[in-house]
Amino acid sequence: MNKNKDKNAWFWVPSLYFTEGIPYVVIVTVSVIMYKKLGISNADIGLYTSLLYLPWVVKPFWSPFVDLRSTKRNWFLWMQLLLSLAFLVAGLTIPLNQFFVLSLACFWVAAFTSATNDIASDGYYMLALSEKNQSFFLGVRSTFYRLAMITGQGLIVVLAGLLETKYSNNTKAWSITMVTVGLLMAGLTIFNLIATPKVETERTSEEKESLSFFNVFLSFFQKKQIGLAIAFILLYRLGESQLLKMSSPFLLDKTEVGGLALTTTQVGTIYGTFGIIALTLGGILGGIAISRFGLKKCMLPMVLALNVPNVLYVLLAYFMPESQLVITASVVIEQLGYGFGFAAFLMYLIFISEGLSKTSHYAIATGFMAAGMMLPGMLSGFLQEWLGYKLFFVWVVVATIPGIIISQLLKYPADYGKKEPILNEL
């Protein structure tokens, strides 16, 4: 590598990972709230927004192509520019009669582009920083990724809520909001163009041969306990994946249909500020716990911490409290438990990815992780409409049981993760 290695890291690391987080949270989370406010049914929201996870599920299949063609810097700059255009066009389609199909098409383009941007950005991070600084900036990249979550679930949703109030027109409000997201992405792309140094050189033929995807892919499925490991990855968040899709519609829906009738601004404030803070705190505490006690001692407490708080949504659905404090406290507890419990999941993904092809195997494992979120989420809206919110949240609690059981059957070193740094990005 060249003299530009480690150059301007304090400028481009925060920006690159903030840019990585914004499209993900808009596509996966903000879209759910937007479609709810634009009159789309819960069944359609659950199905079609869950399908938007697909690019993150299948991204391991084209990651070698990104690795071998051009440079990571070129890839992420072009992908970020394309994301800007996708969000701009999505905003312009919202006032049209066929807005649902057209905006979904834009989100599909954005989802594949965002997944590719993730591959390139992560690859560039490892190339542009020395080993020492890769470790040093792990906390920085994680923090700015989370700030992107706060911006998406908080500021962007609050902006939409304020525009809804100002114009008394949800269509106009969300159109302006999506255009604003597109302009934000364009600004971030320009900043990354200026801030990121050129550090890459062409790969040799020997390096390209060593990156044969077939061999990397096959070696992943030759690991010990791989069937049980895949089942664990798919089922660990079986309940949470459905809760994630229907929690915002539940908070927004009218009381006549079992919802809590909160405003868009209130939901944005609860999830995008208090919820994200709790999620971040839970993740930090989870990382500290594993580094101190090891994964074995932490697994059961963490899997329970992730799943047991789902009971709070059952209570909210049955008692339907009017107090925003009670609702906010329930969300905060659930998000805190999720952040804490997710640390064990990430640590196990790192364990199952160990070996010569660790980076590629981690991409494959996270592909299964995305599938575990996508497939149950696709059915969540239909189940909610069939069962109603009360029984749906009971089902969510029941769906946590398989993951809890499988977590106790896995084999790994008792002290795995102890005193080791944990990459904890959600």
Protein backbone atom coordinates (compact mmCIF):
# COMPACT_ATOMS: atom_id res chain seq x y z
CA MET A 1 0.00 0.00 0.00
CA ASN A 2 1.13 3.61 -0.31
CA LYS A 3 1.87 6.69 1.76
CA ASN A 4 -1.83 7.68 1.85
CA LYS A 5 -2.58 4.87 4.28
CA ASP A 6 -4.18 6.25 7.49
CA LYS A 7 -4.49 9.68 5.84
CA ASN A 8 -7.49 11.81 6.93
CA ALA A 9 -8.96 8.90 8.90
CA TRP A 10 -10.71 11.21 11.38
CA PHE A 11 -12.55 12.79 8.42
CA TRP A 12 -13.53 9.83 6.30
CA VAL A 13 -14.18 7.04 8.84
CA PRO A 14 -17.08 8.90 10.55
CA SER A 15 -18.51 10.06 7.23
CA LEU A 16 -18.20 6.68 5.49
CA TYR A 17 -20.05 4.80 8.22
CA PHE A 18 -22.67 7.49 8.70
CA THR A 19 -23.25 7.20 4.94
CA GLU A 20 -23.46 3.41 5.28
CA GLY A 21 -26.12 3.61 7.99
CA ILE A 22 -28.48 6.21 6.49
CA PRO A 23 -29.76 4.21 3.47
CA TYR A 24 -30.15 1.05 5.56
CA VAL A 25 -32.32 2.68 8.21
CA VAL A 26 -34.41 4.54 5.62
CA ILE A 27 -35.02 1.43 3.52
CA VAL A 28 -35.65 -1.02 6.38
CA THR A 29 -37.26 1.12 9.10
CA VAL A 30 -38.38 4.55 7.87
CA SER A 31 -40.15 2.99 4.87
CA VAL A 32 -42.44 1.09 7.26
CA ILE A 33 -43.59 4.30 8.94
CA MET A 34 -43.92 6.12 5.61
CA TYR A 35 -46.14 3.46 4.05
CA LYS A 36 -48.26 3.26 7.19
CA LYS A 37 -48.88 7.01 7.04
CA LEU A 38 -49.67 6.78 3.33
CA GLY A 39 -52.44 4.23 3.91
CA ILE A 40 -50.78 0.93 2.99
CA SER A 41 -52.09 -2.15 4.85
CA ASN A 42 -50.01 -3.92 7.49
CA ALA A 43 -49.97 -7.10 5.38
CA ASP A 44 -48.45 -5.28 2.42
CA ILE A 45 -46.04 -3.35 4.63
CA GLY A 46 -44.79 -6.53 6.32
CA LEU A 47 -44.40 -8.43 3.05
CA TYR A 48 -42.89 -5.85 0.74
CA THR A 49 -40.63 -3.99 3.15
CA SER A 50 -39.30 -7.32 4.45
CA LEU A 51 -38.37 -8.29 0.89
CA LEU A 52 -36.13 -5.24 0.89
CA TYR A 53 -33.81 -7.25 3.17
CA LEU A 54 -33.03 -9.58 0.25
CA PRO A 55 -29.98 -7.68 -1.06
CA TRP A 56 -28.30 -8.01 2.34
CA VAL A 57 -29.18 -11.72 2.31
CA VAL A 58 -27.56 -12.42 -1.06
CA LYS A 59 -24.71 -9.88 -1.00
CA PRO A 60 -22.11 -12.63 -0.36
CA PHE A 61 -22.80 -13.84 -3.90
CA TRP A 62 -21.41 -10.71 -5.54
CA SER A 63 -18.89 -9.62 -2.91
CA PRO A 64 -15.99 -11.35 -4.77
CA PHE A 65 -16.94 -9.34 -7.88
CA VAL A 66 -16.68 -6.09 -5.89
CA ASP A 67 -13.37 -7.31 -4.49
CA LEU A 68 -11.87 -8.09 -7.90
CA ARG A 69 -13.21 -5.29 -10.12
CA SER A 70 -12.03 -1.70 -9.88
CA THR A 71 -11.28 -0.22 -6.44
CA LYS A 72 -13.37 -0.15 -3.27
CA ARG A 73 -13.28 3.65 -3.35
CA ASN A 74 -14.73 3.77 -6.85
CA TRP A 75 -17.40 1.26 -5.88
CA PHE A 76 -18.68 3.10 -2.81
CA LEU A 77 -18.59 6.54 -4.47
CA TRP A 78 -20.67 5.34 -7.42
CA MET A 79 -23.01 3.43 -5.14
CA GLN A 80 -23.55 6.46 -2.91
CA LEU A 81 -24.31 8.62 -5.95
CA LEU A 82 -26.82 6.05 -7.16
CA LEU A 83 -28.41 5.98 -3.69
CA SER A 84 -28.84 9.75 -3.84
CA LEU A 85 -30.68 9.44 -7.15
CA ALA A 86 -32.82 6.52 -5.92
CA PHE A 87 -34.11 8.46 -2.90
CA LEU A 88 -34.70 11.60 -4.97
CA VAL A 89 -36.77 9.65 -7.51
CA ALA A 90 -38.63 7.83 -4.70
CA GLY A 91 -39.64 11.21 -3.28
CA LEU A 92 -40.86 12.40 -6.67
CA THR A 93 -42.99 9.24 -7.19
CA ILE A 94 -44.92 9.56 -3.90
CA PRO A 95 -47.50 12.07 -5.26
CA LEU A 96 -48.30 9.73 -8.20
CA ASN A 97 -51.23 7.30 -8.32
CA GLN A 98 -48.98 4.25 -8.53
CA PHE A 99 -46.66 5.55 -5.80
CA PHE A 100 -46.48 2.24 -3.89
CA VAL A 101 -45.11 0.21 -6.81
CA LEU A 102 -42.89 3.03 -8.06
CA SER A 103 -41.42 3.93 -4.68
CA LEU A 104 -40.83 0.24 -3.90
CA ALA A 105 -38.92 -0.06 -7.16
CA CYS A 106 -36.74 2.85 -6.06
CA PHE A 107 -36.20 1.24 -2.66
CA TRP A 108 -35.23 -2.03 -4.38
CA VAL A 109 -32.57 -0.23 -6.38
CA ALA A 110 -31.46 1.55 -3.21
CA ALA A 111 -31.33 -1.72 -1.25
CA PHE A 112 -29.05 -3.51 -3.74
CA THR A 113 -26.94 -0.38 -4.04
CA SER A 114 -26.71 0.01 -0.26
CA ALA A 115 -25.65 -3.63 0.22
CA THR A 116 -22.92 -3.14 -2.40
CA ASN A 117 -21.85 0.08 -0.70
CA ASP A 118 -21.50 -1.88 2.57
CA ILE A 119 -19.18 -4.42 0.92
CA ALA A 120 -17.01 -1.72 -0.63
CA SER A 121 -16.92 0.52 2.46
CA ASP A 122 -15.91 -2.34 4.77
CA GLY A 123 -13.26 -3.47 2.29
CA TYR A 124 -11.88 0.05 1.96
CA TYR A 125 -11.71 0.40 5.77
CA MET A 126 -9.43 -2.62 5.98
CA LEU A 127 -7.24 -1.41 3.10
CA ALA A 128 -6.96 2.27 3.97
CA LEU A 129 -6.00 1.83 7.63
CA SER A 130 -3.04 0.14 9.25
CA GLU A 131 -3.83 -2.79 11.54
CA LYS A 132 -3.32 -0.58 14.62
CA ASN A 133 -5.74 2.05 13.39
CA GLN A 134 -8.30 -0.52 12.27
CA SER A 135 -8.68 -1.47 15.93
CA PHE A 136 -8.56 2.12 17.12
CA PHE A 137 -11.34 3.30 14.80
CA LEU A 138 -13.74 0.40 15.48
CA GLY A 139 -15.49 2.48 18.14
CA VAL A 140 -15.60 5.53 15.87
CA ARG A 141 -17.23 3.67 12.96
CA SER A 142 -19.72 1.98 15.29
CA THR A 143 -20.66 5.31 16.90
CA PHE A 144 -21.31 7.04 13.58
CA TYR A 145 -23.25 4.06 12.26
CA ARG A 146 -25.50 4.42 15.31
CA LEU A 147 -25.75 8.17 14.77
CA ALA A 148 -27.10 7.32 11.32
CA MET A 149 -29.73 5.14 13.02
CA ILE A 150 -30.68 8.07 15.26
CA THR A 151 -30.85 10.39 12.26
CA GLY A 152 -33.05 7.97 10.32
CA GLN A 153 -35.41 6.77 13.04
CA GLY A 154 -35.37 10.10 14.85
CA LEU A 155 -34.66 13.27 12.89
CA ILE A 156 -35.96 12.10 9.51
CA VAL A 157 -39.18 10.70 11.00
CA VAL A 158 -39.64 13.81 13.16
CA LEU A 159 -39.13 15.95 10.05
CA ALA A 160 -41.86 13.99 8.27
CA GLY A 161 -44.16 14.43 11.27
CA LEU A 162 -43.60 18.19 11.36
CA LEU A 163 -44.27 18.42 7.63
CA GLU A 164 -47.46 16.38 8.06
CA THR A 165 -48.64 18.92 10.63
CA LYS A 166 -47.57 21.90 8.53
CA TYR A 167 -49.20 20.82 5.28
CA SER A 168 -51.98 18.52 6.59
CA ASN A 169 -50.97 16.35 3.67
CA ASN A 170 -49.04 13.14 4.36
CA THR A 171 -48.22 12.64 0.68
CA LYS A 172 -46.54 16.02 0.33
CA ALA A 173 -44.78 15.63 3.67
CA TRP A 174 -43.20 12.28 2.81
CA SER A 175 -42.34 13.37 -0.72
CA ILE A 176 -40.33 16.28 0.67
CA THR A 177 -38.79 14.01 3.29
CA MET A 178 -37.50 11.48 0.73
CA VAL A 179 -36.14 14.24 -1.50
CA THR A 180 -34.34 15.60 1.55
CA VAL A 181 -32.81 12.15 2.18
CA GLY A 182 -31.60 12.11 -1.43
CA LEU A 183 -29.97 15.53 -1.04
CA LEU A 184 -28.36 14.41 2.24
CA MET A 185 -26.87 11.37 0.50
CA ALA A 186 -25.59 13.58 -2.33
CA GLY A 187 -23.84 15.84 0.15
CA LEU A 188 -22.27 12.87 1.94
CA THR A 189 -21.08 11.45 -1.39
CA ILE A 190 -19.31 14.71 -2.24
CA PHE A 191 -17.70 14.81 1.20
CA ASN A 192 -16.48 11.20 0.85
CA LEU A 193 -15.08 11.98 -2.61
CA ILE A 194 -12.96 14.75 -1.10
CA ALA A 195 -12.05 13.07 2.21
CA THR A 196 -11.14 9.51 1.20
CA PRO A 197 -7.56 9.02 -0.02
CA LYS A 198 -6.61 6.78 -2.93
CA VAL A 199 -4.83 3.83 -1.36
CA GLU A 200 -5.49 0.75 -3.48
CA THR A 201 -3.31 -1.06 -6.01
CA GLU A 202 -4.28 -3.67 -8.60
CA ARG A 203 -4.49 -7.25 -7.40
CA THR A 204 -2.08 -9.83 -8.75
CA SER A 205 -3.37 -12.90 -10.58
CA GLU A 206 -2.35 -15.04 -7.59
CA GLU A 207 -4.49 -12.90 -5.26
CA LYS A 208 -7.46 -13.15 -7.61
CA GLU A 209 -7.10 -16.93 -7.75
CA SER A 210 -7.07 -17.14 -3.95
CA LEU A 211 -10.41 -15.30 -3.85
CA SER A 212 -12.25 -18.04 -5.77
CA PHE A 213 -15.75 -17.76 -4.42
CA PHE A 214 -16.64 -21.41 -4.89
CA ASN A 215 -13.84 -22.56 -2.57
CA VAL A 216 -14.66 -19.90 0.02
CA PHE A 217 -18.35 -20.74 -0.08
CA LEU A 218 -17.77 -24.50 0.16
CA SER A 219 -15.39 -24.21 3.10
CA PHE A 220 -18.04 -22.35 5.11
CA PHE A 221 -20.41 -25.33 4.88
CA GLN A 222 -17.68 -27.74 5.97
CA LYS A 223 -17.43 -26.24 9.45
CA LYS A 224 -18.35 -28.28 12.52
CA GLN A 225 -21.99 -28.02 13.69
CA ILE A 226 -22.74 -25.91 10.61
CA GLY A 227 -26.36 -27.14 10.37
CA LEU A 228 -27.05 -26.20 13.98
CA ALA A 229 -25.17 -22.93 13.52
CA ILE A 230 -27.30 -21.94 10.53
CA ALA A 231 -30.47 -22.86 12.43
CA PHE A 232 -29.31 -20.66 15.30
CA ILE A 233 -28.54 -17.73 12.97
CA LEU A 234 -31.96 -18.04 11.32
CA LEU A 235 -33.99 -18.51 14.52
CA TYR A 236 -32.21 -16.39 17.12
CA ARG A 237 -34.34 -13.36 16.22
CA LEU A 238 -37.47 -15.15 14.99
CA GLY A 239 -39.68 -13.21 17.40
CA GLU A 240 -37.78 -9.93 17.14
CA SER A 241 -37.88 -9.95 13.33
CA GLN A 242 -41.70 -9.91 13.41
CA LEU A 243 -41.89 -7.43 16.27
CA LEU A 244 -39.61 -5.05 14.39
CA LYS A 245 -42.01 -4.84 11.43
CA MET A 246 -45.23 -4.43 13.39
CA SER A 247 -44.14 -2.33 16.38
CA SER A 248 -44.36 1.01 14.56
CA PRO A 249 -47.74 0.23 12.92
CA PHE A 250 -48.98 -0.83 16.38
CA LEU A 251 -47.94 2.49 17.90
CA LEU A 252 -49.42 4.44 14.99
CA ASP A 253 -52.71 2.55 14.46
CA LYS A 254 -56.00 3.87 15.80
CA THR A 255 -57.30 2.51 19.09
CA GLU A 256 -60.36 1.05 17.33
CA VAL A 257 -58.13 -1.52 15.64
CA GLY A 258 -55.97 -2.16 18.70
CA GLY A 259 -53.22 0.43 18.17
CA LEU A 260 -51.99 3.12 20.53
CA ALA A 261 -52.76 6.08 18.20
CA LEU A 262 -49.44 7.91 18.56
CA THR A 263 -48.38 10.57 16.06
CA THR A 264 -45.51 10.18 13.60
CA THR A 265 -43.46 12.70 15.60
CA GLN A 266 -44.03 10.78 18.84
CA VAL A 267 -42.94 7.48 17.27
CA GLY A 268 -39.88 9.16 15.78
CA THR A 269 -38.96 10.59 19.16
CA ILE A 270 -39.48 7.31 21.04
CA TYR A 271 -37.56 5.05 18.65
CA GLY A 272 -35.13 7.51 17.15
CA THR A 273 -33.87 9.04 20.39
CA PHE A 274 -34.70 7.12 23.57
CA GLY A 275 -34.85 3.78 21.76
CA ILE A 276 -31.53 4.19 19.95
CA ILE A 277 -29.81 5.42 23.11
CA ALA A 278 -31.05 2.31 24.95
CA LEU A 279 -30.01 0.09 22.03
CA THR A 280 -26.53 1.61 22.02
CA LEU A 281 -26.15 1.30 25.79
CA GLY A 282 -27.28 -2.33 25.66
CA GLY A 283 -24.73 -3.12 22.96
CA ILE A 284 -21.90 -1.49 24.92
CA LEU A 285 -22.84 -3.39 28.09
CA GLY A 286 -23.09 -6.62 26.11
CA GLY A 287 -19.61 -6.16 24.68
CA ILE A 288 -18.17 -5.42 28.12
CA ALA A 289 -19.87 -8.50 29.60
CA ILE A 290 -18.55 -10.88 26.94
CA SER A 291 -15.03 -9.44 27.13
CA ARG A 292 -15.07 -10.00 30.87
CA PHE A 293 -16.86 -13.34 31.26
CA GLY A 294 -16.62 -15.01 27.84
CA LEU A 295 -19.42 -16.03 25.47
CA LYS A 296 -20.40 -19.25 27.27
CA LYS A 297 -21.43 -17.56 30.52
CA CYS A 298 -23.17 -14.73 28.68
CA MET A 299 -25.17 -16.65 26.07
CA LEU A 300 -28.22 -17.64 28.14
CA PRO A 301 -28.60 -14.29 29.97
CA MET A 302 -28.25 -12.48 26.66
CA VAL A 303 -30.70 -14.62 24.70
CA LEU A 304 -33.21 -14.07 27.51
CA ALA A 305 -32.49 -10.33 27.60
CA LEU A 306 -33.24 -10.11 23.88
CA ASN A 307 -36.48 -12.10 24.00
CA VAL A 308 -38.19 -11.70 27.39
CA PRO A 309 -38.89 -7.93 27.00
CA ASN A 310 -41.16 -8.78 24.05
CA VAL A 311 -43.75 -9.59 26.73
CA LEU A 312 -44.07 -5.83 27.26
CA TYR A 313 -45.76 -5.50 23.87
CA VAL A 314 -48.30 -8.11 24.93
CA LEU A 315 -49.07 -5.96 27.98
CA LEU A 316 -49.28 -2.79 25.88
CA ALA A 317 -51.68 -4.48 23.46
CA TYR A 318 -53.96 -5.76 26.23
CA PHE A 319 -53.97 -2.71 28.54
CA MET A 320 -53.51 0.01 25.86
CA PRO A 321 -52.08 2.67 28.19
CA GLU A 322 -52.56 6.31 27.24
CA SER A 323 -49.44 7.43 29.10
CA GLN A 324 -46.61 8.15 26.66
CA LEU A 325 -44.19 7.63 29.56
CA VAL A 326 -45.35 4.02 29.98
CA ILE A 327 -45.12 3.37 26.24
CA THR A 328 -41.67 4.96 26.00
CA ALA A 329 -40.40 3.00 29.01
CA SER A 330 -41.59 -0.26 27.43
CA VAL A 331 -39.81 0.51 24.16
CA VAL A 332 -36.64 1.55 25.99
CA ILE A 333 -36.54 -1.69 28.01
CA GLU A 334 -37.13 -3.78 24.89
CA GLN A 335 -34.41 -1.93 22.94
CA LEU A 336 -31.96 -2.13 25.86
CA GLY A 337 -32.49 -5.90 26.06
CA TYR A 338 -32.17 -6.21 22.30
CA GLY A 339 -28.85 -4.36 22.24
CA PHE A 340 -27.51 -6.41 25.16
CA GLY A 341 -28.68 -9.74 23.75
CA PHE A 342 -27.52 -9.01 20.21
CA ALA A 343 -23.90 -8.83 21.39
CA ALA A 344 -23.89 -12.61 21.96
CA PHE A 345 -25.27 -13.16 18.48
CA LEU A 346 -22.54 -11.03 16.88
CA MET A 347 -19.84 -12.77 18.91
CA TYR A 348 -21.07 -16.18 17.73
CA LEU A 349 -21.05 -14.96 14.11
CA ILE A 350 -17.41 -14.00 14.57
CA PHE A 351 -16.69 -17.46 16.03
CA ILE A 352 -18.38 -19.36 13.19
CA SER A 353 -16.47 -17.23 10.66
CA GLU A 354 -13.00 -18.09 12.03
CA GLY A 355 -10.49 -19.41 9.50
CA LEU A 356 -8.50 -18.38 6.44
CA SER A 357 -11.55 -16.83 4.75
CA LYS A 358 -12.88 -15.04 7.80
CA THR A 359 -14.06 -11.93 5.95
CA SER A 360 -15.98 -13.86 3.29
CA HIS A 361 -17.38 -16.32 5.83
CA TYR A 362 -18.60 -13.42 7.95
CA ALA A 363 -20.38 -12.04 4.88
CA ILE A 364 -22.06 -15.42 4.35
CA ALA A 365 -23.07 -15.62 8.01
CA THR A 366 -24.55 -12.13 7.92
CA GLY A 367 -26.40 -13.14 4.75
CA PHE A 368 -28.14 -15.88 6.73
CA MET A 369 -28.73 -13.32 9.49
CA ALA A 370 -30.53 -11.06 7.02
CA ALA A 371 -32.60 -14.03 5.81
CA GLY A 372 -33.61 -14.67 9.41
CA MET A 373 -34.98 -11.14 9.53
CA MET A 374 -36.52 -11.06 6.04
CA LEU A 375 -38.54 -14.29 5.89
CA PRO A 376 -40.48 -13.95 9.18
CA GLY A 377 -40.94 -10.24 8.56
CA MET A 378 -42.62 -11.00 5.23
CA LEU A 379 -45.36 -12.91 7.04
CA SER A 380 -45.67 -10.60 10.03
CA GLY A 381 -48.27 -8.27 8.49
CA PHE A 382 -50.53 -11.15 7.43
CA LEU A 383 -50.26 -12.74 10.87
CA GLN A 384 -51.03 -9.44 12.60
CA GLU A 385 -54.12 -8.81 10.48
CA TRP A 386 -55.30 -12.39 11.06
CA LEU A 387 -54.61 -12.54 14.80
CA GLY A 388 -55.01 -8.90 15.82
CA TYR A 389 -52.35 -7.08 17.81
CA LYS A 390 -53.00 -8.91 21.10
CA LEU A 391 -52.58 -12.46 19.84
CA PHE A 392 -49.87 -11.40 17.39
CA PHE A 393 -47.61 -10.22 20.20
CA VAL A 394 -48.37 -13.44 22.12
CA TRP A 395 -47.19 -15.32 19.01
CA VAL A 396 -44.03 -13.19 18.92
CA VAL A 397 -43.21 -14.34 22.46
CA VAL A 398 -43.83 -18.00 21.53
CA ALA A 399 -41.60 -17.62 18.46
CA THR A 400 -38.61 -16.83 20.68
CA ILE A 401 -38.52 -20.34 22.15
CA PRO A 402 -36.67 -22.20 19.32
CA GLY A 403 -33.79 -19.73 19.36
CA ILE A 404 -33.44 -20.00 23.13
CA ILE A 405 -33.29 -23.81 22.95
CA ILE A 406 -30.78 -23.94 20.08
CA SER A 407 -28.50 -21.41 21.80
CA GLN A 408 -27.89 -23.97 24.53
CA LEU A 409 -26.87 -26.72 22.08
CA LEU A 410 -24.04 -24.84 20.40
CA LYS A 411 -20.42 -25.76 21.09
CA TYR A 412 -17.63 -23.19 21.28
CA PRO A 413 -14.75 -22.42 23.68
CA ALA A 414 -16.11 -21.33 27.05
CA ASP A 415 -13.88 -18.25 27.16
CA TYR A 416 -14.39 -17.28 23.52
CA GLY A 417 -14.57 -13.51 23.22
CA LYS A 418 -13.02 -12.90 26.62
CA LYS A 419 -10.86 -9.78 26.61
CA GLU A 420 -11.30 -9.51 22.85
CA PRO A 421 -12.68 -6.40 21.05
CA ILE A 422 -16.18 -6.88 19.67
CA LEU A 423 -17.47 -5.28 16.47
CA ASN A 424 -20.99 -4.32 17.46
CA GLU A 425 -22.91 -2.72 14.61
CA LEU A 426 -26.69 -3.14 14.31
